[in-house]
Amino acid sequence: MVGFGKEFDVNTGPWEFLLLEKSTVDEVLAQYSSPPAE
């Protein structure tokens, strides 16, 4: 698959969407607002 990231970079390869949390409170949003560790 091919798509664009937040910085308009081209992303390729398999993608996976996971529901990690249903809540949208500020604490949860802050927890997931940074890029994943590589």
PDB file of N, CA and C in Angstrom:
ATOM      1  N   MET A   1       0.839  -1.180   0.000  1.00  0.00           N
ATOM      2  CA  MET A   1       0.000   0.000   0.000  1.00  0.00           C
ATOM      3  C   MET A   1       0.882   1.240   0.000  1.00  0.00           C
ATOM      4  N   VAL A   2       0.335   2.311  -0.483  1.00  0.00           N
ATOM      5  CA  VAL A   2       1.058   3.576  -0.531  1.00  0.00           C
ATOM      6  C   VAL A   2       0.161   4.658   0.056  1.00  0.00           C
ATOM      7  N   GLY A   3       0.739   5.557   0.826  1.00  0.00           N
ATOM      8  CA  GLY A   3      -0.015   6.664   1.407  1.00  0.00           C
ATOM      9  C   GLY A   3       0.931   7.778   1.801  1.00  0.00           C
ATOM     10  N   PHE A   4       0.365   8.869   2.289  1.00  0.00           N
ATOM     11  CA  PHE A   4       1.147  10.027   2.699  1.00  0.00           C
ATOM     12  C   PHE A   4       1.071  10.208   4.204  1.00  0.00           C
ATOM     13  N   GLY A   5       2.224  10.553   4.809  1.00  0.00           N
ATOM     14  CA  GLY A   5       2.292  10.821   6.239  1.00  0.00           C
ATOM     15  C   GLY A   5       1.957  12.274   6.542  1.00  0.00           C
ATOM     16  N   LYS A   6       2.044  12.621   7.818  1.00  0.00           N
ATOM     17  CA  LYS A   6       1.723  13.979   8.271  1.00  0.00           C
ATOM     18  C   LYS A   6       2.627  15.036   7.651  1.00  0.00           C
ATOM     19  N   GLU A   7       3.865  14.676   7.342  1.00  0.00           N
ATOM     20  CA  GLU A   7       4.835  15.610   6.761  1.00  0.00           C
ATOM     21  C   GLU A   7       4.906  15.456   5.247  1.00  0.00           C
ATOM     22  N   PHE A   8       3.882  14.850   4.648  1.00  0.00           N
ATOM     23  CA  PHE A   8       3.772  14.611   3.214  1.00  0.00           C
ATOM     24  C   PHE A   8       4.850  13.658   2.696  1.00  0.00           C
ATOM     25  N   ASP A   9       5.402  12.828   3.598  1.00  0.00           N
ATOM     26  CA  ASP A   9       6.319  11.790   3.146  1.00  0.00           C
ATOM     27  C   ASP A   9       5.500  10.608   2.618  1.00  0.00           C
ATOM     28  N   VAL A  10       6.081   9.848   1.720  1.00  0.00           N
ATOM     29  CA  VAL A  10       5.387   8.712   1.120  1.00  0.00           C
ATOM     30  C   VAL A  10       5.646   7.470   1.971  1.00  0.00           C
ATOM     31  N   ASN A  11       4.584   6.830   2.407  1.00  0.00           N
ATOM     32  CA  ASN A  11       4.677   5.613   3.206  1.00  0.00           C
ATOM     33  C   ASN A  11       4.278   4.427   2.343  1.00  0.00           C
ATOM     34  N   THR A  12       5.104   3.387   2.351  1.00  0.00           N
ATOM     35  CA  THR A  12       4.798   2.186   1.585  1.00  0.00           C
ATOM     36  C   THR A  12       4.898   0.970   2.495  1.00  0.00           C
ATOM     37  N   GLY A  13       4.310  -0.112   2.061  1.00  0.00           N
ATOM     38  CA  GLY A  13       4.394  -1.358   2.809  1.00  0.00           C
ATOM     39  C   GLY A  13       3.062  -1.715   3.433  1.00  0.00           C
ATOM     40  N   PRO A  14       3.052  -2.818   4.186  1.00  0.00           N
ATOM     41  CA  PRO A  14       1.798  -3.252   4.819  1.00  0.00           C
ATOM     42  C   PRO A  14       1.404  -2.303   5.956  1.00  0.00           C
ATOM     43  N   TRP A  15       0.125  -2.047   6.077  1.00  0.00           N
ATOM     44  CA  TRP A  15      -0.395  -1.188   7.130  1.00  0.00           C
ATOM     45  C   TRP A  15      -1.254  -2.014   8.056  1.00  0.00           C
ATOM     46  N   GLU A  16      -1.369  -1.553   9.268  1.00  0.00           N
ATOM     47  CA  GLU A  16      -2.216  -2.224  10.252  1.00  0.00           C
ATOM     48  C   GLU A  16      -2.902  -1.160  11.096  1.00  0.00           C
ATOM     49  N   PHE A  17      -4.202  -1.272  11.210  1.00  0.00           N
ATOM     50  CA  PHE A  17      -4.975  -0.366  12.043  1.00  0.00           C
ATOM     51  C   PHE A  17      -5.457  -1.132  13.270  1.00  0.00           C
ATOM     52  N   LEU A  18      -5.160  -0.596  14.452  1.00  0.00           N
ATOM     53  CA  LEU A  18      -5.560  -1.233  15.694  1.00  0.00           C
ATOM     54  C   LEU A  18      -6.329  -0.247  16.556  1.00  0.00           C
ATOM     55  N   LEU A  19      -7.411  -0.679  17.159  1.00  0.00           N
ATOM     56  CA  LEU A  19      -8.125   0.147  18.126  1.00  0.00           C
ATOM     57  C   LEU A  19      -7.406  -0.004  19.458  1.00  0.00           C
ATOM     58  N   LEU A  20      -6.679   1.024  19.857  1.00  0.00           N
ATOM     59  CA  LEU A  20      -5.904   0.960  21.086  1.00  0.00           C
ATOM     60  C   LEU A  20      -6.694   1.475  22.283  1.00  0.00           C
ATOM     61  N   GLU A  21      -7.559   2.452  22.051  1.00  0.00           N
ATOM     62  CA  GLU A  21      -8.303   3.062  23.149  1.00  0.00           C
ATOM     63  C   GLU A  21      -9.521   3.759  22.583  1.00  0.00           C
ATOM     64  N   LYS A  22     -10.680   3.583  23.200  1.00  0.00           N
ATOM     65  CA  LYS A  22     -11.900   4.251  22.747  1.00  0.00           C
ATOM     66  C   LYS A  22     -12.033   5.659  23.325  1.00  0.00           C
ATOM     67  N   SER A  23     -11.418   5.895  24.450  1.00  0.00           N
ATOM     68  CA  SER A  23     -11.566   7.163  25.145  1.00  0.00           C
ATOM     69  C   SER A  23     -10.865   8.296  24.394  1.00  0.00           C
ATOM     70  N   THR A  24     -11.427   9.496  24.461  1.00  0.00           N
ATOM     71  CA  THR A  24     -10.804  10.673  23.842  1.00  0.00           C
ATOM     72  C   THR A  24     -10.495  11.763  24.874  1.00  0.00           C
ATOM     73  N   VAL A  25     -10.347  11.379  26.145  1.00  0.00           N
ATOM     74  CA  VAL A  25      -9.989  12.366  27.165  1.00  0.00           C
ATOM     75  C   VAL A  25      -8.557  12.836  26.913  1.00  0.00           C
ATOM     76  N   ASP A  26      -8.213  14.005  27.409  1.00  0.00           N
ATOM     77  CA  ASP A  26      -6.912  14.619  27.139  1.00  0.00           C
ATOM     78  C   ASP A  26      -5.736  13.716  27.517  1.00  0.00           C
ATOM     79  N   GLU A  27      -5.839  12.980  28.626  1.00  0.00           N
ATOM     80  CA  GLU A  27      -4.736  12.128  29.065  1.00  0.00           C
ATOM     81  C   GLU A  27      -4.454  11.028  28.045  1.00  0.00           C
ATOM     82  N   VAL A  28      -5.494  10.447  27.491  1.00  0.00           N
ATOM     83  CA  VAL A  28      -5.319   9.387  26.495  1.00  0.00           C
ATOM     84  C   VAL A  28      -4.773   9.964  25.195  1.00  0.00           C
ATOM     85  N   LEU A  29      -5.296  11.098  24.759  1.00  0.00           N
ATOM     86  CA  LEU A  29      -4.792  11.721  23.539  1.00  0.00           C
ATOM     87  C   LEU A  29      -3.319  12.073  23.666  1.00  0.00           C
ATOM     88  N   ALA A  30      -2.895  12.563  24.804  1.00  0.00           N
ATOM     89  CA  ALA A  30      -1.487  12.907  25.019  1.00  0.00           C
ATOM     90  C   ALA A  30      -0.619  11.667  24.956  1.00  0.00           C
ATOM     91  N   GLN A  31      -1.122  10.546  25.435  1.00  0.00           N
ATOM     92  CA  GLN A  31      -0.355   9.294  25.446  1.00  0.00           C
ATOM     93  C   GLN A  31      -0.030   8.834  24.029  1.00  0.00           C
ATOM     94  N   TYR A  32      -0.936   9.066  23.071  1.00  0.00           N
ATOM     95  CA  TYR A  32      -0.752   8.594  21.703  1.00  0.00           C
ATOM     96  C   TYR A  32      -0.382   9.700  20.723  1.00  0.00           C
ATOM     97  N   SER A  33       0.006  10.883  21.195  1.00  0.00           N
ATOM     98  CA  SER A  33       0.280  12.000  20.304  1.00  0.00           C
ATOM     99  C   SER A  33       1.720  12.055  19.804  1.00  0.00           C
ATOM    100  N   SER A  34       2.578  11.159  20.276  1.00  0.00           N
ATOM    101  CA  SER A  34       3.961  11.155  19.817  1.00  0.00           C
ATOM    102  C   SER A  34       4.203   9.978  18.883  1.00  0.00           C
ATOM    103  N   PRO A  35       5.217  10.076  18.012  1.00  0.00           N
ATOM    104  CA  PRO A  35       5.496   8.971  17.084  1.00  0.00           C
ATOM    105  C   PRO A  35       5.957   7.726  17.854  1.00  0.00           C
ATOM    106  N   PRO A  36       5.701   6.561  17.299  1.00  0.00           N
ATOM    107  CA  PRO A  36       6.134   5.336  17.977  1.00  0.00           C
ATOM    108  C   PRO A  36       7.664   5.220  18.003  1.00  0.00           C
ATOM    109  N   ALA A  37       8.182   4.562  19.008  1.00  0.00           N
ATOM    110  CA  ALA A  37       9.620   4.331  19.094  1.00  0.00           C
ATOM    111  C   ALA A  37      10.039   3.335  18.027  1.00  0.00           C
ATOM    112  N   GLU A  38      11.186   3.574  17.445  1.00  0.00           N
ATOM    113  CA  GLU A  38      11.671   2.667  16.388  1.00  0.00           C
ATOM    114  C   GLU A  38      12.686   1.705  16.927  1.00  0.00           C
TER     115      GLU A  38
END
